[in-house]
PDB file of all heavy atoms in Angstrom:
ATOM      1  N   ASN A   1      15.388  18.289  10.659  1.00  0.00           N
ATOM      2  CA  ASN A   1      15.670  16.864  10.873  1.00  0.00           C
ATOM      3  C   ASN A   1      15.333  15.995   9.659  1.00  0.00           C
ATOM      4  O   ASN A   1      14.865  14.873   9.790  1.00  0.00           O
ATOM      5  CB  ASN A   1      14.925  16.341  12.112  1.00  0.00           C
ATOM      6  CG  ASN A   1      15.393  16.990  13.371  1.00  0.00           C
ATOM      7  OD1 ASN A   1      16.591  17.156  13.573  1.00  0.00           O
ATOM      8  ND2 ASN A   1      14.469  17.396  14.222  1.00  0.00           N
ATOM      9  N   ILE A   2      15.599  16.529   8.488  1.00  0.00           N
ATOM     10  CA  ILE A   2      15.426  15.774   7.252  1.00  0.00           C
ATOM     11  C   ILE A   2      16.728  15.072   6.908  1.00  0.00           C
ATOM     12  O   ILE A   2      16.732  13.968   6.373  1.00  0.00           O
ATOM     13  CB  ILE A   2      14.967  16.701   6.100  1.00  0.00           C
ATOM     14  CG1 ILE A   2      13.583  17.259   6.432  1.00  0.00           C
ATOM     15  CG2 ILE A   2      14.984  15.982   4.766  1.00  0.00           C
ATOM     16  CD1 ILE A   2      13.096  18.327   5.485  1.00  0.00           C
ATOM     17  N   VAL A   3      17.852  15.735   7.234  1.00  0.00           N
ATOM     18  CA  VAL A   3      19.175  15.200   6.950  1.00  0.00           C
ATOM     19  C   VAL A   3      19.989  15.222   8.243  1.00  0.00           C
ATOM     20  O   VAL A   3      19.936  16.196   8.993  1.00  0.00           O
ATOM     21  CB  VAL A   3      19.897  16.053   5.876  1.00  0.00           C
ATOM     22  CG1 VAL A   3      21.313  15.587   5.654  1.00  0.00           C
ATOM     23  CG2 VAL A   3      19.127  16.033   4.580  1.00  0.00           C
ATOM     24  N   SER A   4      20.746  14.157   8.468  1.00  0.00           N
ATOM     25  CA  SER A   4      21.626  14.120   9.639  1.00  0.00           C
ATOM     26  C   SER A   4      22.984  14.687   9.250  1.00  0.00           C
ATOM     27  O   SER A   4      23.279  14.879   8.062  1.00  0.00           O
ATOM     28  CB  SER A   4      21.794  12.681  10.138  1.00  0.00           C
ATOM     29  OG  SER A   4      22.593  11.944   9.234  1.00  0.00           O
ATOM     30  N   SER A   5      23.822  14.920  10.239  1.00  0.00           N
ATOM     31  CA  SER A   5      25.161  15.442   9.951  1.00  0.00           C
ATOM     32  C   SER A   5      26.027  14.407   9.240  1.00  0.00           C
ATOM     33  O   SER A   5      27.048  14.751   8.677  1.00  0.00           O
ATOM     34  CB  SER A   5      25.844  15.921  11.233  1.00  0.00           C
ATOM     35  OG  SER A   5      25.957  14.853  12.148  1.00  0.00           O
ATOM     36  N   SER A   6      25.592  13.156   9.236  1.00  0.00           N
ATOM     37  CA  SER A   6      26.338  12.125   8.498  1.00  0.00           C
ATOM     38  C   SER A   6      25.801  11.963   7.075  1.00  0.00           C
ATOM     39  O   SER A   6      26.333  11.183   6.304  1.00  0.00           O
ATOM     40  CB  SER A   6      26.273  10.788   9.234  1.00  0.00           C
ATOM     41  OG  SER A   6      24.941  10.330   9.295  1.00  0.00           O
ATOM     42  N   GLY A   7      24.736  12.698   6.740  1.00  0.00           N
ATOM     43  CA  GLY A   7      24.199  12.656   5.381  1.00  0.00           C
ATOM     44  C   GLY A   7      23.022  11.728   5.188  1.00  0.00           C
ATOM     45  O   GLY A   7      22.527  11.578   4.069  1.00  0.00           O
ATOM     46  N   GLU A   8      22.561  11.102   6.246  1.00  0.00           N
ATOM     47  CA  GLU A   8      21.405  10.228   6.124  1.00  0.00           C
ATOM     48  C   GLU A   8      20.140  11.071   5.974  1.00  0.00           C
ATOM     49  O   GLU A   8      20.008  12.122   6.600  1.00  0.00           O
ATOM     50  CB  GLU A   8      21.271   9.330   7.341  1.00  0.00           C
ATOM     51  CG  GLU A   8      22.399   8.330   7.486  1.00  0.00           C
ATOM     52  CD  GLU A   8      22.237   7.504   8.739  1.00  0.00           C
ATOM     53  OE1 GLU A   8      21.327   6.659   8.761  1.00  0.00           O
ATOM     54  OE2 GLU A   8      23.003   7.731   9.679  1.00  0.00           O
ATOM     55  N   ILE A   9      19.216  10.590   5.155  1.00  0.00           N
ATOM     56  CA  ILE A   9      17.958  11.297   4.919  1.00  0.00           C
ATOM     57  C   ILE A   9      16.865  10.613   5.736  1.00  0.00           C
ATOM     58  O   ILE A   9      16.692   9.400   5.656  1.00  0.00           O
ATOM     59  CB  ILE A   9      17.606  11.302   3.425  1.00  0.00           C
ATOM     60  CG1 ILE A   9      18.702  12.034   2.643  1.00  0.00           C
ATOM     61  CG2 ILE A   9      16.242  11.941   3.196  1.00  0.00           C
ATOM     62  CD1 ILE A   9      18.556  11.954   1.146  1.00  0.00           C
ATOM     63  N   PHE A  10      16.162  11.406   6.524  1.00  0.00           N
ATOM     64  CA  PHE A  10      15.102  10.882   7.378  1.00  0.00           C
ATOM     65  C   PHE A  10      13.772  11.516   6.990  1.00  0.00           C
ATOM     66  O   PHE A  10      13.515  12.666   7.311  1.00  0.00           O
ATOM     67  CB  PHE A  10      15.386  11.197   8.851  1.00  0.00           C
ATOM     68  CG  PHE A  10      16.646  10.578   9.365  1.00  0.00           C
ATOM     69  CD1 PHE A  10      17.758  11.354   9.620  1.00  0.00           C
ATOM     70  CD2 PHE A  10      16.714   9.225   9.594  1.00  0.00           C
ATOM     71  CE1 PHE A  10      18.923  10.786  10.112  1.00  0.00           C
ATOM     72  CE2 PHE A  10      17.872   8.635  10.072  1.00  0.00           C
ATOM     73  CZ  PHE A  10      18.972   9.416  10.333  1.00  0.00           C
ATOM     74  N   LEU A  11      12.947  10.766   6.325  1.00  0.00           N
ATOM     75  CA  LEU A  11      11.633  11.259   5.946  1.00  0.00           C
ATOM     76  C   LEU A  11      10.514  10.462   6.589  1.00  0.00           C
ATOM     77  O   LEU A  11       9.349  10.612   6.226  1.00  0.00           O
ATOM     78  CB  LEU A  11      11.487  11.230   4.419  1.00  0.00           C
ATOM     79  CG  LEU A  11      12.416  12.157   3.641  1.00  0.00           C
ATOM     80  CD1 LEU A  11      12.243  11.974   2.147  1.00  0.00           C
ATOM     81  CD2 LEU A  11      12.160  13.608   4.025  1.00  0.00           C
ATOM     82  N   ASP A  12      10.850   9.610   7.557  1.00  0.00           N
ATOM     83  CA  ASP A  12       9.847   8.743   8.177  1.00  0.00           C
ATOM     84  C   ASP A  12       8.657   9.504   8.738  1.00  0.00           C
ATOM     85  O   ASP A  12       7.515   9.087   8.565  1.00  0.00           O
ATOM     86  CB  ASP A  12      10.479   7.888   9.280  1.00  0.00           C
ATOM     87  CG  ASP A  12      11.448   6.864   8.724  1.00  0.00           C
ATOM     88  OD1 ASP A  12      11.370   6.574   7.512  1.00  0.00           O
ATOM     89  OD2 ASP A  12      12.287   6.362   9.500  1.00  0.00           O
ATOM     90  N   LYS A  13       8.923  10.641   9.397  1.00  0.00           N
ATOM     91  CA  LYS A  13       7.795  11.384   9.977  1.00  0.00           C
ATOM     92  C   LYS A  13       6.876  11.932   8.884  1.00  0.00           C
ATOM     93  O   LYS A  13       5.679  12.048   9.093  1.00  0.00           O
ATOM     94  CB  LYS A  13       8.296  12.497  10.907  1.00  0.00           C
ATOM     95  CG  LYS A  13       9.077  13.603  10.237  1.00  0.00           C
ATOM     96  CD  LYS A  13       9.559  14.622  11.257  1.00  0.00           C
ATOM     97  CE  LYS A  13      10.441  15.644  10.621  1.00  0.00           C
ATOM     98  NZ  LYS A  13      11.002  16.573  11.589  1.00  0.00           N
ATOM     99  N   TYR A  14       7.434  12.221   7.722  1.00  0.00           N
ATOM    100  CA  TYR A  14       6.607  12.702   6.611  1.00  0.00           C
ATOM    101  C   TYR A  14       5.862  11.539   5.946  1.00  0.00           C
ATOM    102  O   TYR A  14       4.740  11.687   5.498  1.00  0.00           O
ATOM    103  CB  TYR A  14       7.470  13.454   5.597  1.00  0.00           C
ATOM    104  CG  TYR A  14       8.120  14.671   6.202  1.00  0.00           C
ATOM    105  CD1 TYR A  14       9.450  14.637   6.610  1.00  0.00           C
ATOM    106  CD2 TYR A  14       7.393  15.834   6.406  1.00  0.00           C
ATOM    107  CE1 TYR A  14      10.041  15.752   7.194  1.00  0.00           C
ATOM    108  CE2 TYR A  14       7.979  16.946   6.992  1.00  0.00           C
ATOM    109  CZ  TYR A  14       9.298  16.900   7.380  1.00  0.00           C
ATOM    110  OH  TYR A  14       9.876  17.989   7.962  1.00  0.00           O
ATOM    111  N   TYR A  15       6.519  10.388   5.894  1.00  0.00           N
ATOM    112  CA  TYR A  15       5.856   9.186   5.382  1.00  0.00           C
ATOM    113  C   TYR A  15       4.707   8.786   6.311  1.00  0.00           C
ATOM    114  O   TYR A  15       3.602   8.495   5.858  1.00  0.00           O
ATOM    115  CB  TYR A  15       6.832   8.009   5.278  1.00  0.00           C
ATOM    116  CG  TYR A  15       7.953   8.170   4.270  1.00  0.00           C
ATOM    117  CD1 TYR A  15       9.172   7.534   4.488  1.00  0.00           C
ATOM    118  CD2 TYR A  15       7.809   8.912   3.108  1.00  0.00           C
ATOM    119  CE1 TYR A  15      10.213   7.651   3.576  1.00  0.00           C
ATOM    120  CE2 TYR A  15       8.844   9.038   2.196  1.00  0.00           C
ATOM    121  CZ  TYR A  15      10.048   8.395   2.435  1.00  0.00           C
ATOM    122  OH  TYR A  15      11.069   8.512   1.542  1.00  0.00           O
ATOM    123  N   ASP A  16       5.001   8.769   7.609  1.00  0.00           N
ATOM    124  CA  ASP A  16       4.016   8.318   8.590  1.00  0.00           C
ATOM    125  C   ASP A  16       2.776   9.204   8.627  1.00  0.00           C
ATOM    126  O   ASP A  16       1.665   8.715   8.841  1.00  0.00           O
ATOM    127  CB  ASP A  16       4.636   8.258   9.993  1.00  0.00           C
ATOM    128  CG  ASP A  16       5.723   7.186  10.102  1.00  0.00           C
ATOM    129  OD1 ASP A  16       5.780   6.301   9.215  1.00  0.00           O
ATOM    130  OD2 ASP A  16       6.516   7.253  11.067  1.00  0.00           O
ATOM    131  N   THR A  17       2.953  10.504   8.449  1.00  0.00           N
ATOM    132  CA  THR A  17       1.808  11.419   8.489  1.00  0.00           C
ATOM    133  C   THR A  17       1.099  11.534   7.143  1.00  0.00           C
ATOM    134  O   THR A  17       0.051  12.149   7.058  1.00  0.00           O
ATOM    135  CB  THR A  17       2.244  12.828   8.931  1.00  0.00           C
ATOM    136  OG1 THR A  17       3.226  13.319   8.010  1.00  0.00           O
ATOM    137  CG2 THR A  17       2.798  12.809  10.343  1.00  0.00           C
ATOM    138  N   GLY A  18       1.682  10.945   6.104  1.00  0.00           N
ATOM    139  CA  GLY A  18       1.047  10.980   4.787  1.00  0.00           C
ATOM    140  C   GLY A  18       1.367  12.229   3.988  1.00  0.00           C
ATOM    141  O   GLY A  18       0.832  12.420   2.897  1.00  0.00           O
ATOM    142  N   VAL A  19       2.232  13.079   4.502  1.00  0.00           N
ATOM    143  CA  VAL A  19       2.615  14.291   3.775  1.00  0.00           C
ATOM    144  C   VAL A  19       3.348  13.907   2.490  1.00  0.00           C
ATOM    145  O   VAL A  19       3.173  14.537   1.455  1.00  0.00           O
ATOM    146  CB  VAL A  19       3.486  15.211   4.665  1.00  0.00           C
ATOM    147  CG1 VAL A  19       4.039  16.380   3.885  1.00  0.00           C
ATOM    148  CG2 VAL A  19       2.699  15.679   5.866  1.00  0.00           C
ATOM    149  N   ILE A  20       4.166  12.866   2.580  1.00  0.00           N
ATOM    150  CA  ILE A  20       4.916  12.373   1.427  1.00  0.00           C
ATOM    151  C   ILE A  20       4.545  10.913   1.200  1.00  0.00           C
ATOM    152  O   ILE A  20       4.518  10.127   2.145  1.00  0.00           O
ATOM    153  CB  ILE A  20       6.441  12.488   1.660  1.00  0.00           C
ATOM    154  CG1 ILE A  20       6.839  13.950   1.832  1.00  0.00           C
ATOM    155  CG2 ILE A  20       7.210  11.864   0.513  1.00  0.00           C
ATOM    156  CD1 ILE A  20       8.310  14.146   2.183  1.00  0.00           C
ATOM    157  N   ASP A  21       4.257  10.573  -0.044  1.00  0.00           N
ATOM    158  CA  ASP A  21       3.957   9.198  -0.411  1.00  0.00           C
ATOM    159  C   ASP A  21       5.271   8.426  -0.534  1.00  0.00           C
ATOM    160  O   ASP A  21       6.032   8.643  -1.477  1.00  0.00           O
ATOM    161  CB  ASP A  21       3.176   9.156  -1.723  1.00  0.00           C
ATOM    162  CG  ASP A  21       2.829   7.756  -2.164  1.00  0.00           C
ATOM    163  OD1 ASP A  21       3.088   6.788  -1.423  1.00  0.00           O
ATOM    164  OD2 ASP A  21       2.287   7.612  -3.283  1.00  0.00           O
ATOM    165  N   GLU A  22       5.523   7.564   0.427  1.00  0.00           N
ATOM    166  CA  GLU A  22       6.791   6.836   0.476  1.00  0.00           C
ATOM    167  C   GLU A  22       7.036   6.032  -0.790  1.00  0.00           C
ATOM    168  O   GLU A  22       8.155   5.989  -1.307  1.00  0.00           O
ATOM    169  CB  GLU A  22       6.807   5.901   1.695  1.00  0.00           C
ATOM    170  CG  GLU A  22       8.075   5.110   1.834  1.00  0.00           C
ATOM    171  CD  GLU A  22       8.109   4.275   3.091  1.00  0.00           C
ATOM    172  OE1 GLU A  22       7.109   4.267   3.849  1.00  0.00           O
ATOM    173  OE2 GLU A  22       9.144   3.630   3.328  1.00  0.00           O
ATOM    174  N   PHE A  23       6.006   5.385  -1.329  1.00  0.00           N
ATOM    175  CA  PHE A  23       6.185   4.526  -2.495  1.00  0.00           C
ATOM    176  C   PHE A  23       6.489   5.326  -3.761  1.00  0.00           C
ATOM    177  O   PHE A  23       7.107   4.828  -4.684  1.00  0.00           O
ATOM    178  CB  PHE A  23       4.956   3.642  -2.695  1.00  0.00           C
ATOM    179  CG  PHE A  23       4.746   2.709  -1.540  1.00  0.00           C
ATOM    180  CD1 PHE A  23       3.709   2.913  -0.645  1.00  0.00           C
ATOM    181  CD2 PHE A  23       5.614   1.649  -1.315  1.00  0.00           C
ATOM    182  CE1 PHE A  23       3.527   2.067   0.437  1.00  0.00           C
ATOM    183  CE2 PHE A  23       5.440   0.792  -0.240  1.00  0.00           C
ATOM    184  CZ  PHE A  23       4.398   1.003   0.647  1.00  0.00           C
ATOM    185  N   ALA A  24       6.094   6.596  -3.775  1.00  0.00           N
ATOM    186  CA  ALA A  24       6.386   7.448  -4.930  1.00  0.00           C
ATOM    187  C   ALA A  24       7.740   8.137  -4.792  1.00  0.00           C
ATOM    188  O   ALA A  24       8.446   8.325  -5.784  1.00  0.00           O
ATOM    189  CB  ALA A  24       5.285   8.494  -5.094  1.00  0.00           C
ATOM    190  N   VAL A  25       8.112   8.500  -3.566  1.00  0.00           N
ATOM    191  CA  VAL A  25       9.298   9.326  -3.359  1.00  0.00           C
ATOM    192  C   VAL A  25      10.564   8.503  -3.095  1.00  0.00           C
ATOM    193  O   VAL A  25      11.643   8.864  -3.562  1.00  0.00           O
ATOM    194  CB  VAL A  25       9.048  10.338  -2.208  1.00  0.00           C
ATOM    195  CG1 VAL A  25      10.303  11.102  -1.864  1.00  0.00           C
ATOM    196  CG2 VAL A  25       7.937  11.286  -2.594  1.00  0.00           C
ATOM    197  N   ALA A  26      10.457   7.417  -2.364  1.00  0.00           N
ATOM    198  CA  ALA A  26      11.642   6.634  -1.989  1.00  0.00           C
ATOM    199  C   ALA A  26      12.484   6.205  -3.191  1.00  0.00           C
ATOM    200  O   ALA A  26      13.716   6.353  -3.159  1.00  0.00           O
ATOM    201  CB  ALA A  26      11.247   5.434  -1.139  1.00  0.00           C
ATOM    202  N   PRO A  27      11.889   5.710  -4.277  1.00  0.00           N
ATOM    203  CA  PRO A  27      12.725   5.356  -5.435  1.00  0.00           C
ATOM    204  C   PRO A  27      13.439   6.568  -6.051  1.00  0.00           C
ATOM    205  O   PRO A  27      14.570   6.455  -6.526  1.00  0.00           O
ATOM    206  CB  PRO A  27      11.739   4.759  -6.438  1.00  0.00           C
ATOM    207  CG  PRO A  27      10.547   4.374  -5.645  1.00  0.00           C
ATOM    208  CD  PRO A  27      10.493   5.313  -4.487  1.00  0.00           C
ATOM    209  N   LYS A  28      12.793   7.719  -6.000  1.00  0.00           N
ATOM    210  CA  LYS A  28      13.409   8.936  -6.535  1.00  0.00           C
ATOM    211  C   LYS A  28      14.592   9.365  -5.667  1.00  0.00           C
ATOM    212  O   LYS A  28      15.632   9.771  -6.187  1.00  0.00           O
ATOM    213  CB  LYS A  28      12.367  10.059  -6.623  1.00  0.00           C
ATOM    214  CG  LYS A  28      11.293   9.768  -7.647  1.00  0.00           C
ATOM    215  CD  LYS A  28      10.216  10.807  -7.635  1.00  0.00           C
ATOM    216  CE  LYS A  28       9.143  10.403  -8.633  1.00  0.00           C
ATOM    217  NZ  LYS A  28       8.015  11.293  -8.645  1.00  0.00           N
ATOM    218  N   ILE A  29      14.432   9.261  -4.355  1.00  0.00           N
ATOM    219  CA  ILE A  29      15.542   9.591  -3.456  1.00  0.00           C
ATOM    220  C   ILE A  29      16.712   8.661  -3.711  1.00  0.00           C
ATOM    221  O   ILE A  29      17.863   9.107  -3.796  1.00  0.00           O
ATOM    222  CB  ILE A  29      15.101   9.514  -1.981  1.00  0.00           C
ATOM    223  CG1 ILE A  29      14.119  10.634  -1.666  1.00  0.00           C
ATOM    224  CG2 ILE A  29      16.308   9.584  -1.045  1.00  0.00           C
ATOM    225  CD1 ILE A  29      13.517  10.553  -0.282  1.00  0.00           C
ATOM    226  N   ASN A  30      16.419   7.385  -3.842  1.00  0.00           N
ATOM    227  CA  ASN A  30      17.491   6.406  -4.090  1.00  0.00           C
ATOM    228  C   ASN A  30      18.211   6.684  -5.399  1.00  0.00           C
ATOM    229  O   ASN A  30      19.432   6.577  -5.487  1.00  0.00           O
ATOM    230  CB  ASN A  30      16.941   4.979  -4.058  1.00  0.00           C
ATOM    231  CG  ASN A  30      16.566   4.561  -2.657  1.00  0.00           C
ATOM    232  OD1 ASN A  30      17.098   5.074  -1.679  1.00  0.00           O
ATOM    233  ND2 ASN A  30      15.630   3.647  -2.560  1.00  0.00           N
ATOM    234  N   ARG A  31      17.458   7.054  -6.444  1.00  0.00           N
ATOM    235  CA  ARG A  31      18.083   7.383  -7.732  1.00  0.00           C
ATOM    236  C   ARG A  31      18.959   8.618  -7.593  1.00  0.00           C
ATOM    237  O   ARG A  31      20.085   8.662  -8.104  1.00  0.00           O
ATOM    238  CB  ARG A  31      17.025   7.611  -8.817  1.00  0.00           C
ATOM    239  CG  ARG A  31      17.641   7.757 -10.213  1.00  0.00           C
ATOM    240  CD  ARG A  31      16.664   8.297 -11.235  1.00  0.00           C
ATOM    241  NE  ARG A  31      16.269   9.663 -10.994  1.00  0.00           N
ATOM    242  CZ  ARG A  31      17.058  10.732 -11.167  1.00  0.00           C
ATOM    243  NH1 ARG A  31      18.310  10.592 -11.530  1.00  0.00           N
ATOM    244  NH2 ARG A  31      16.608  11.955 -10.956  1.00  0.00           N
ATOM    245  N   CYS A  32      18.485   9.627  -6.876  1.00  0.00           N
ATOM    246  CA  CYS A  32      19.257  10.856  -6.680  1.00  0.00           C
ATOM    247  C   CYS A  32      20.510  10.594  -5.838  1.00  0.00           C
ATOM    248  O   CYS A  32      21.581  11.121  -6.138  1.00  0.00           O
ATOM    249  CB  CYS A  32      18.391  11.926  -6.026  1.00  0.00           C
ATOM    250  SG  CYS A  32      17.052  12.522  -7.089  1.00  0.00           S
ATOM    251  N   ARG A  33      20.377   9.778  -4.805  1.00  0.00           N
ATOM    252  CA  ARG A  33      21.554   9.411  -4.009  1.00  0.00           C
ATOM    253  C   ARG A  33      22.602   8.739  -4.877  1.00  0.00           C
ATOM    254  O   ARG A  33      23.784   9.027  -4.780  1.00  0.00           O
ATOM    255  CB  ARG A  33      21.164   8.434  -2.896  1.00  0.00           C
ATOM    256  CG  ARG A  33      20.609   9.040  -1.682  1.00  0.00           C
ATOM    257  CD  ARG A  33      20.419   7.933  -0.665  1.00  0.00           C
ATOM    258  NE  ARG A  33      19.728   8.391   0.499  1.00  0.00           N
ATOM    259  CZ  ARG A  33      19.005   7.626   1.271  1.00  0.00           C
ATOM    260  NH1 ARG A  33      18.877   6.350   1.011  1.00  0.00           N
ATOM    261  NH2 ARG A  33      18.410   8.119   2.331  1.00  0.00           N
ATOM    262  N   TYR A  34      22.132   7.822  -5.713  1.00  0.00           N
ATOM    263  CA  TYR A  34      23.049   7.093  -6.581  1.00  0.00           C
ATOM    264  C   TYR A  34      23.731   8.048  -7.570  1.00  0.00           C
ATOM    265  O   TYR A  34      24.928   7.968  -7.812  1.00  0.00           O
ATOM    266  CB  TYR A  34      22.311   5.982  -7.332  1.00  0.00           C
ATOM    267  CG  TYR A  34      23.222   5.169  -8.209  1.00  0.00           C
ATOM    268  CD1 TYR A  34      24.038   4.186  -7.654  1.00  0.00           C
ATOM    269  CD2 TYR A  34      23.296   5.391  -9.585  1.00  0.00           C
ATOM    270  CE1 TYR A  34      24.898   3.444  -8.451  1.00  0.00           C
ATOM    271  CE2 TYR A  34      24.154   4.663 -10.378  1.00  0.00           C
ATOM    272  CZ  TYR A  34      24.948   3.687  -9.806  1.00  0.00           C
ATOM    273  OH  TYR A  34      25.808   2.966 -10.596  1.00  0.00           O
ATOM    274  N   GLU A  35      22.957   8.959  -8.130  1.00  0.00           N
ATOM    275  CA  GLU A  35      23.498   9.903  -9.112  1.00  0.00           C
ATOM    276  C   GLU A  35      24.623  10.751  -8.530  1.00  0.00           C
ATOM    277  O   GLU A  35      25.602  11.057  -9.210  1.00  0.00           O
ATOM    278  CB  GLU A  35      22.381  10.811  -9.636  1.00  0.00           C
ATOM    279  CG  GLU A  35      22.833  11.761 -10.719  1.00  0.00           C
ATOM    280  CD  GLU A  35      21.698  12.606 -11.269  1.00  0.00           C
ATOM    281  OE1 GLU A  35      20.516  12.227 -11.108  1.00  0.00           O
ATOM    282  OE2 GLU A  35      22.004  13.661 -11.857  1.00  0.00           O
TER     283      GLU A  35
END
């Protein structure tokens, strides 16, 4: 459940639990999406 069938990326559960630092990763995801 990281990616939906429409291509949306869902990392909220990882952000909420602290596994992934949202402020560090979100800009990188956005740059990769744009690329």
